[in-house]
Amino acid sequence: MALAACSSTVPSPEQLDALERQVRAQHRGDYEALENRRQSGELDAESHRIALAALDKRVRNEVDTRLWSRHALAQSELKSNDIPTPDRPIPLAPPGVGTLQNSLYNSQRQTGMGSQLMGNFLRDSGGANFNSSRAGTMYDQ
């Protein structure tokens, strides 16, 4: 089952072409009936072109529906078995985020030390009037 997750279920161009040939063969009777109507004069060139385009579109829609439904079912099966898919990858959280002291993953903001250290720095460097000694212009009071 693990190897199934490695293979892509996205339809390839070759699969699309092969299934389109198969579906066109299934609709051969429709194509022949359309050609017979054109040859008998029942359809003029413009009507034949429109009807042929509609039939081609119906064939392409059937091909797309079959292959993409197959893909959706395969993705659904992978998800139901907790196998990662492109739209639901494995969550990769580093181990022990914020819980290990002095570790690479320890965030000072999570433990509260960062804000305490910054507060001490501001207090020691300027006191309550820290912002009052900033550079200004001759128009400042």
N, C-alpha and C. Protein backbone atom coordinates (compact mmCIF):
# COMPACT_ATOMS: atom_id res chain seq x y z
N MET A 1 0.82 -1.19 0.00
CA MET A 1 0.00 0.00 0.00
C MET A 1 0.86 1.25 0.00
N ALA A 2 2.05 1.18 0.58
CA ALA A 2 2.91 2.35 0.63
C ALA A 2 3.36 2.77 -0.76
N LEU A 3 3.53 1.80 -1.65
CA LEU A 3 3.95 2.14 -3.01
C LEU A 3 2.84 2.85 -3.77
N ALA A 4 1.60 2.62 -3.39
CA ALA A 4 0.49 3.27 -4.08
C ALA A 4 0.53 4.78 -3.86
N ALA A 5 1.06 5.20 -2.72
CA ALA A 5 1.13 6.63 -2.43
C ALA A 5 2.19 7.31 -3.28
N CYS A 6 3.16 6.55 -3.78
CA CYS A 6 4.24 7.13 -4.58
C CYS A 6 3.82 7.40 -6.02
N SER A 7 2.89 6.63 -6.52
CA SER A 7 2.48 6.83 -7.91
C SER A 7 1.41 7.90 -8.00
N SER A 8 1.49 8.68 -9.04
CA SER A 8 0.54 9.77 -9.21
C SER A 8 -0.74 9.25 -9.86
N THR A 9 -1.86 9.78 -9.39
CA THR A 9 -3.14 9.40 -9.98
C THR A 9 -3.63 10.47 -10.94
N VAL A 10 -2.83 11.52 -11.13
CA VAL A 10 -3.21 12.58 -12.06
C VAL A 10 -3.13 12.01 -13.49
N PRO A 11 -4.18 12.20 -14.29
CA PRO A 11 -4.16 11.64 -15.64
C PRO A 11 -3.03 12.22 -16.48
N SER A 12 -2.34 11.35 -17.18
CA SER A 12 -1.26 11.79 -18.07
C SER A 12 -1.85 12.09 -19.46
N PRO A 13 -1.13 12.82 -20.28
CA PRO A 13 -1.61 13.07 -21.65
C PRO A 13 -1.85 11.78 -22.42
N GLU A 14 -1.00 10.78 -22.18
CA GLU A 14 -1.18 9.50 -22.88
C GLU A 14 -2.49 8.83 -22.47
N GLN A 15 -2.81 8.91 -21.17
CA GLN A 15 -4.08 8.33 -20.71
C GLN A 15 -5.27 9.08 -21.30
N LEU A 16 -5.15 10.40 -21.36
CA LEU A 16 -6.24 11.20 -21.95
C LEU A 16 -6.44 10.83 -23.41
N ASP A 17 -5.35 10.71 -24.18
CA ASP A 17 -5.45 10.37 -25.59
C ASP A 17 -6.02 8.97 -25.79
N ALA A 18 -5.54 8.02 -24.98
CA ALA A 18 -6.02 6.63 -25.13
C ALA A 18 -7.50 6.53 -24.82
N LEU A 19 -7.94 7.19 -23.74
CA LEU A 19 -9.36 7.12 -23.41
C LEU A 19 -10.20 7.88 -24.42
N GLU A 20 -9.66 8.96 -24.97
CA GLU A 20 -10.42 9.69 -26.00
C GLU A 20 -10.63 8.82 -27.23
N ARG A 21 -9.60 8.07 -27.63
CA ARG A 21 -9.77 7.16 -28.78
C ARG A 21 -10.84 6.12 -28.48
N GLN A 22 -10.83 5.62 -27.25
CA GLN A 22 -11.81 4.60 -26.87
C GLN A 22 -13.23 5.18 -26.87
N VAL A 23 -13.40 6.38 -26.32
CA VAL A 23 -14.73 6.99 -26.26
C VAL A 23 -15.20 7.36 -27.67
N ARG A 24 -14.30 7.84 -28.51
CA ARG A 24 -14.67 8.14 -29.90
C ARG A 24 -15.13 6.88 -30.62
N ALA A 25 -14.47 5.76 -30.34
CA ALA A 25 -14.89 4.49 -30.95
C ALA A 25 -16.29 4.10 -30.46
N GLN A 26 -16.59 4.39 -29.20
CA GLN A 26 -17.91 4.10 -28.67
C GLN A 26 -18.98 4.98 -29.31
N HIS A 27 -18.59 6.19 -29.70
CA HIS A 27 -19.54 7.13 -30.33
C HIS A 27 -19.42 7.13 -31.85
N ARG A 28 -18.82 6.09 -32.41
CA ARG A 28 -18.64 6.02 -33.85
C ARG A 28 -19.97 6.10 -34.59
N GLY A 29 -21.00 5.49 -34.02
CA GLY A 29 -22.32 5.53 -34.64
C GLY A 29 -22.86 6.96 -34.74
N ASP A 30 -22.61 7.75 -33.70
CA ASP A 30 -23.06 9.15 -33.73
C ASP A 30 -22.32 9.94 -34.80
N TYR A 31 -21.00 9.69 -34.92
CA TYR A 31 -20.22 10.39 -35.95
C TYR A 31 -20.67 9.98 -37.35
N GLU A 32 -20.95 8.68 -37.53
CA GLU A 32 -21.40 8.22 -38.84
C GLU A 32 -22.78 8.78 -39.18
N ALA A 33 -23.67 8.83 -38.20
CA ALA A 33 -25.01 9.38 -38.44
C ALA A 33 -24.92 10.86 -38.81
N LEU A 34 -24.03 11.57 -38.16
CA LEU A 34 -23.85 12.99 -38.47
C LEU A 34 -23.30 13.17 -39.88
N GLU A 35 -22.35 12.32 -40.25
CA GLU A 35 -21.78 12.40 -41.61
C GLU A 35 -22.83 12.03 -42.65
N ASN A 36 -23.66 11.03 -42.37
CA ASN A 36 -24.73 10.64 -43.31
C ASN A 36 -25.74 11.77 -43.50
N ARG A 37 -26.07 12.48 -42.40
CA ARG A 37 -26.99 13.61 -42.51
C ARG A 37 -26.38 14.72 -43.36
N ARG A 38 -25.06 14.91 -43.26
CA ARG A 38 -24.40 15.94 -44.06
C ARG A 38 -24.40 15.55 -45.54
N GLN A 39 -24.07 14.28 -45.82
CA GLN A 39 -24.00 13.82 -47.20
C GLN A 39 -25.38 13.80 -47.87
N SER A 40 -26.42 13.54 -47.09
CA SER A 40 -27.76 13.50 -47.67
C SER A 40 -28.33 14.91 -47.90
N GLY A 41 -27.64 15.92 -47.41
CA GLY A 41 -28.10 17.29 -47.60
C GLY A 41 -29.02 17.77 -46.50
N GLU A 42 -29.27 16.93 -45.51
CA GLU A 42 -30.13 17.33 -44.39
C GLU A 42 -29.47 18.46 -43.58
N LEU A 43 -28.12 18.43 -43.50
CA LEU A 43 -27.37 19.47 -42.80
C LEU A 43 -26.48 20.22 -43.78
N ASP A 44 -26.48 21.54 -43.68
CA ASP A 44 -25.53 22.30 -44.50
C ASP A 44 -24.17 22.29 -43.78
N ALA A 45 -23.17 22.89 -44.39
CA ALA A 45 -21.81 22.84 -43.85
C ALA A 45 -21.72 23.47 -42.46
N GLU A 46 -22.40 24.59 -42.29
CA GLU A 46 -22.34 25.29 -40.99
C GLU A 46 -23.03 24.49 -39.89
N SER A 47 -24.19 23.93 -40.18
CA SER A 47 -24.91 23.11 -39.20
C SER A 47 -24.11 21.86 -38.85
N HIS A 48 -23.47 21.27 -39.87
CA HIS A 48 -22.64 20.09 -39.63
C HIS A 48 -21.46 20.44 -38.74
N ARG A 49 -20.85 21.59 -38.99
CA ARG A 49 -19.70 22.01 -38.18
C ARG A 49 -20.12 22.21 -36.72
N ILE A 50 -21.28 22.82 -36.50
CA ILE A 50 -21.77 23.07 -35.13
C ILE A 50 -22.11 21.75 -34.44
N ALA A 51 -22.79 20.85 -35.15
CA ALA A 51 -23.15 19.55 -34.57
C ALA A 51 -21.92 18.71 -34.28
N LEU A 52 -20.92 18.77 -35.17
CA LEU A 52 -19.68 18.02 -34.96
C LEU A 52 -18.92 18.57 -33.75
N ALA A 53 -18.89 19.88 -33.61
CA ALA A 53 -18.23 20.49 -32.45
C ALA A 53 -18.93 20.09 -31.15
N ALA A 54 -20.26 20.03 -31.16
CA ALA A 54 -21.01 19.62 -29.97
C ALA A 54 -20.73 18.17 -29.62
N LEU A 55 -20.64 17.31 -30.64
CA LEU A 55 -20.34 15.90 -30.41
C LEU A 55 -18.91 15.74 -29.88
N ASP A 56 -17.96 16.47 -30.44
CA ASP A 56 -16.58 16.43 -29.95
C ASP A 56 -16.50 16.89 -28.50
N LYS A 57 -17.25 17.93 -28.19
CA LYS A 57 -17.25 18.44 -26.81
C LYS A 57 -17.83 17.41 -25.85
N ARG A 58 -18.89 16.73 -26.27
CA ARG A 58 -19.49 15.69 -25.43
C ARG A 58 -18.49 14.56 -25.17
N VAL A 59 -17.73 14.19 -26.20
CA VAL A 59 -16.71 13.14 -26.05
C VAL A 59 -15.62 13.60 -25.07
N ARG A 60 -15.13 14.83 -25.26
CA ARG A 60 -14.07 15.34 -24.36
C ARG A 60 -14.57 15.43 -22.92
N ASN A 61 -15.81 15.86 -22.72
CA ASN A 61 -16.35 15.95 -21.37
C ASN A 61 -16.45 14.57 -20.72
N GLU A 62 -16.82 13.58 -21.50
CA GLU A 62 -16.90 12.21 -20.96
C GLU A 62 -15.51 11.71 -20.57
N VAL A 63 -14.52 11.99 -21.40
CA VAL A 63 -13.15 11.58 -21.10
C VAL A 63 -12.67 12.26 -19.82
N ASP A 64 -12.87 13.58 -19.74
CA ASP A 64 -12.44 14.32 -18.55
C ASP A 64 -13.14 13.81 -17.30
N THR A 65 -14.43 13.59 -17.39
CA THR A 65 -15.19 13.12 -16.23
C THR A 65 -14.69 11.77 -15.76
N ARG A 66 -14.46 10.85 -16.68
CA ARG A 66 -13.99 9.52 -16.30
C ARG A 66 -12.63 9.59 -15.60
N LEU A 67 -11.67 10.26 -16.23
CA LEU A 67 -10.31 10.26 -15.67
C LEU A 67 -10.21 11.07 -14.39
N TRP A 68 -10.85 12.23 -14.32
CA TRP A 68 -10.74 13.03 -13.11
C TRP A 68 -11.57 12.44 -11.98
N SER A 69 -12.63 11.72 -12.28
CA SER A 69 -13.37 11.02 -11.23
C SER A 69 -12.53 9.89 -10.66
N ARG A 70 -11.80 9.21 -11.54
CA ARG A 70 -10.88 8.15 -11.09
C ARG A 70 -9.82 8.74 -10.17
N HIS A 71 -9.28 9.89 -10.55
CA HIS A 71 -8.27 10.56 -9.73
C HIS A 71 -8.85 10.96 -8.37
N ALA A 72 -10.05 11.53 -8.36
CA ALA A 72 -10.67 11.96 -7.11
C ALA A 72 -10.95 10.77 -6.20
N LEU A 73 -11.38 9.65 -6.76
CA LEU A 73 -11.62 8.46 -5.95
C LEU A 73 -10.32 7.92 -5.36
N ALA A 74 -9.26 7.93 -6.15
CA ALA A 74 -7.96 7.45 -5.65
C ALA A 74 -7.44 8.35 -4.53
N GLN A 75 -7.58 9.67 -4.69
CA GLN A 75 -7.15 10.60 -3.64
C GLN A 75 -7.99 10.40 -2.38
N SER A 76 -9.28 10.18 -2.55
CA SER A 76 -10.17 9.96 -1.41
C SER A 76 -9.78 8.69 -0.66
N GLU A 77 -9.42 7.65 -1.39
CA GLU A 77 -9.00 6.40 -0.75
C GLU A 77 -7.70 6.61 0.03
N LEU A 78 -6.75 7.35 -0.55
CA LEU A 78 -5.50 7.62 0.16
C LEU A 78 -5.77 8.39 1.45
N LYS A 79 -6.62 9.41 1.38
CA LYS A 79 -6.93 10.21 2.56
C LYS A 79 -7.61 9.36 3.63
N SER A 80 -8.51 8.47 3.23
CA SER A 80 -9.21 7.64 4.21
C SER A 80 -8.26 6.68 4.90
N ASN A 81 -7.15 6.35 4.27
CA ASN A 81 -6.14 5.47 4.87
C ASN A 81 -5.00 6.26 5.52
N ASP A 82 -5.19 7.57 5.72
CA ASP A 82 -4.19 8.45 6.33
C ASP A 82 -2.87 8.45 5.58
N ILE A 83 -2.94 8.38 4.28
CA ILE A 83 -1.75 8.48 3.43
C ILE A 83 -1.71 9.91 2.91
N PRO A 84 -0.57 10.59 3.01
CA PRO A 84 -0.52 11.99 2.58
C PRO A 84 -0.82 12.16 1.09
N THR A 85 -1.50 13.24 0.78
CA THR A 85 -1.78 13.60 -0.61
C THR A 85 -1.30 15.03 -0.82
N PRO A 86 -1.20 15.50 -2.06
CA PRO A 86 -0.71 16.86 -2.28
C PRO A 86 -1.53 17.93 -1.57
N ASP A 87 -2.83 17.72 -1.42
CA ASP A 87 -3.62 18.73 -0.72
C ASP A 87 -3.74 18.46 0.78
N ARG A 88 -3.14 17.37 1.26
CA ARG A 88 -3.08 17.09 2.69
C ARG A 88 -1.74 16.43 3.02
N PRO A 89 -0.67 17.24 3.05
CA PRO A 89 0.67 16.67 3.29
C PRO A 89 0.87 16.31 4.76
N ILE A 90 2.02 15.70 5.03
CA ILE A 90 2.38 15.35 6.40
C ILE A 90 2.75 16.63 7.14
N PRO A 91 2.18 16.88 8.32
CA PRO A 91 2.61 18.05 9.09
C PRO A 91 4.01 17.81 9.66
N LEU A 92 4.91 18.72 9.40
CA LEU A 92 6.30 18.54 9.83
C LEU A 92 6.66 19.57 10.90
N ALA A 93 6.12 19.41 12.09
CA ALA A 93 6.47 20.30 13.19
C ALA A 93 7.76 19.79 13.83
N PRO A 94 8.71 20.67 14.13
CA PRO A 94 9.94 20.23 14.77
C PRO A 94 9.63 19.70 16.17
N PRO A 95 10.42 18.76 16.65
CA PRO A 95 10.12 18.15 17.95
C PRO A 95 10.29 19.14 19.09
N GLY A 96 9.36 19.12 20.01
CA GLY A 96 9.47 19.90 21.22
C GLY A 96 9.55 21.40 21.02
N VAL A 97 8.76 21.97 20.14
CA VAL A 97 8.83 23.40 19.87
C VAL A 97 8.50 24.17 21.13
N GLY A 98 9.45 24.98 21.59
CA GLY A 98 9.24 25.84 22.74
C GLY A 98 9.24 25.14 24.08
N THR A 99 9.42 23.83 24.10
CA THR A 99 9.36 23.12 25.38
C THR A 99 10.74 22.77 25.92
N LEU A 100 11.76 22.76 25.11
CA LEU A 100 13.10 22.40 25.55
C LEU A 100 13.93 23.66 25.77
N GLN A 101 14.45 23.83 26.97
CA GLN A 101 15.27 25.00 27.26
C GLN A 101 16.59 24.91 26.50
N ASN A 102 17.08 26.02 26.02
CA ASN A 102 18.36 26.14 25.31
C ASN A 102 18.45 25.25 24.08
N SER A 103 17.32 24.98 23.44
CA SER A 103 17.36 24.18 22.23
C SER A 103 17.21 25.09 21.02
N LEU A 104 17.50 24.55 19.87
CA LEU A 104 17.39 25.29 18.63
C LEU A 104 15.97 25.77 18.40
N TYR A 105 14.99 24.99 18.87
CA TYR A 105 13.59 25.29 18.61
C TYR A 105 12.93 26.12 19.70
N ASN A 106 13.68 26.49 20.73
CA ASN A 106 13.09 27.24 21.83
C ASN A 106 12.90 28.70 21.42
N SER A 107 11.72 29.18 21.57
CA SER A 107 11.41 30.56 21.23
C SER A 107 11.29 31.37 22.50
N GLN A 108 12.06 32.43 22.61
CA GLN A 108 12.00 33.27 23.80
C GLN A 108 10.61 33.88 23.97
N ARG A 109 9.92 34.11 22.87
CA ARG A 109 8.59 34.69 22.97
C ARG A 109 7.60 33.70 23.58
N GLN A 110 7.81 32.41 23.38
CA GLN A 110 6.88 31.43 23.93
C GLN A 110 7.07 31.26 25.44
N THR A 111 8.29 31.42 25.93
CA THR A 111 8.54 31.25 27.36
C THR A 111 8.37 32.55 28.12
N GLY A 112 8.27 33.68 27.45
CA GLY A 112 8.09 34.94 28.12
C GLY A 112 9.39 35.66 28.42
N MET A 113 10.50 35.00 28.24
CA MET A 113 11.80 35.61 28.56
C MET A 113 12.14 36.73 27.59
N GLY A 114 11.71 36.63 26.37
CA GLY A 114 12.05 37.64 25.39
C GLY A 114 11.52 39.00 25.76
N SER A 115 10.24 39.05 26.15
CA SER A 115 9.66 40.35 26.50
C SER A 115 10.23 40.86 27.82
N GLN A 116 10.56 39.96 28.74
CA GLN A 116 11.15 40.40 30.01
C GLN A 116 12.54 40.97 29.79
N LEU A 117 13.35 40.33 28.95
CA LEU A 117 14.69 40.83 28.66
C LEU A 117 14.63 42.18 27.95
N MET A 118 13.71 42.33 27.02
CA MET A 118 13.57 43.59 26.31
C MET A 118 13.12 44.70 27.28
N GLY A 119 12.20 44.37 28.18
CA GLY A 119 11.76 45.35 29.17
C GLY A 119 12.89 45.79 30.07
N ASN A 120 13.71 44.85 30.50
CA ASN A 120 14.86 45.19 31.35
C ASN A 120 15.84 46.07 30.59
N PHE A 121 16.07 45.78 29.33
CA PHE A 121 16.99 46.58 28.52
C PHE A 121 16.50 48.02 28.40
N LEU A 122 15.21 48.17 28.09
CA LEU A 122 14.66 49.52 27.96
C LEU A 122 14.71 50.27 29.29
N ARG A 123 14.42 49.59 30.39
CA ARG A 123 14.44 50.24 31.69
C ARG A 123 15.86 50.70 32.06
N ASP A 124 16.84 49.81 31.81
CA ASP A 124 18.22 50.12 32.20
C ASP A 124 18.84 51.17 31.29
N SER A 125 18.43 51.25 30.05
CA SER A 125 19.09 52.17 29.14
C SER A 125 18.53 53.58 29.17
N GLY A 126 17.34 53.80 29.67
CA GLY A 126 16.83 55.16 29.63
C GLY A 126 15.84 55.52 30.69
N GLY A 127 15.41 54.57 31.45
CA GLY A 127 14.44 54.88 32.49
C GLY A 127 13.10 55.24 31.89
N ALA A 128 12.32 56.02 32.65
CA ALA A 128 10.97 56.36 32.23
C ALA A 128 10.97 57.34 31.07
N ASN A 129 12.03 58.13 30.93
CA ASN A 129 12.11 59.14 29.87
C ASN A 129 12.97 58.65 28.71
N PHE A 130 12.87 57.36 28.40
CA PHE A 130 13.73 56.78 27.35
C PHE A 130 13.52 57.47 26.02
N ASN A 131 12.30 57.78 25.67
CA ASN A 131 12.02 58.39 24.37
C ASN A 131 12.20 59.90 24.37
N SER A 132 12.44 60.52 25.51
CA SER A 132 12.54 61.98 25.55
C SER A 132 13.89 62.48 25.05
N SER A 133 14.89 61.65 24.98
CA SER A 133 16.22 62.10 24.57
C SER A 133 16.52 61.79 23.11
N ARG A 134 15.49 61.67 22.30
CA ARG A 134 15.71 61.35 20.90
C ARG A 134 16.16 62.59 20.12
N ALA A 135 16.75 62.36 18.99
CA ALA A 135 17.19 63.48 18.16
C ALA A 135 15.97 64.21 17.62
N GLY A 136 16.07 65.53 17.49
CA GLY A 136 14.95 66.30 17.00
C GLY A 136 15.42 67.44 16.10
N THR A 137 14.56 68.38 15.95
CA THR A 137 14.90 69.55 15.13
C THR A 137 14.85 70.79 16.01
N MET A 138 15.19 71.94 15.44
CA MET A 138 15.19 73.17 16.20
C MET A 138 13.77 73.62 16.54
N TYR A 139 12.76 73.00 15.93
CA TYR A 139 11.37 73.38 16.22
C TYR A 139 10.78 72.60 17.38
N ASP A 140 11.49 71.50 17.84
CA ASP A 140 10.99 70.74 18.97
C ASP A 140 11.09 71.53 20.24
N GLN A 141 10.19 71.39 21.15
CA GLN A 141 10.22 72.10 22.44
C GLN A 141 11.13 71.42 23.43
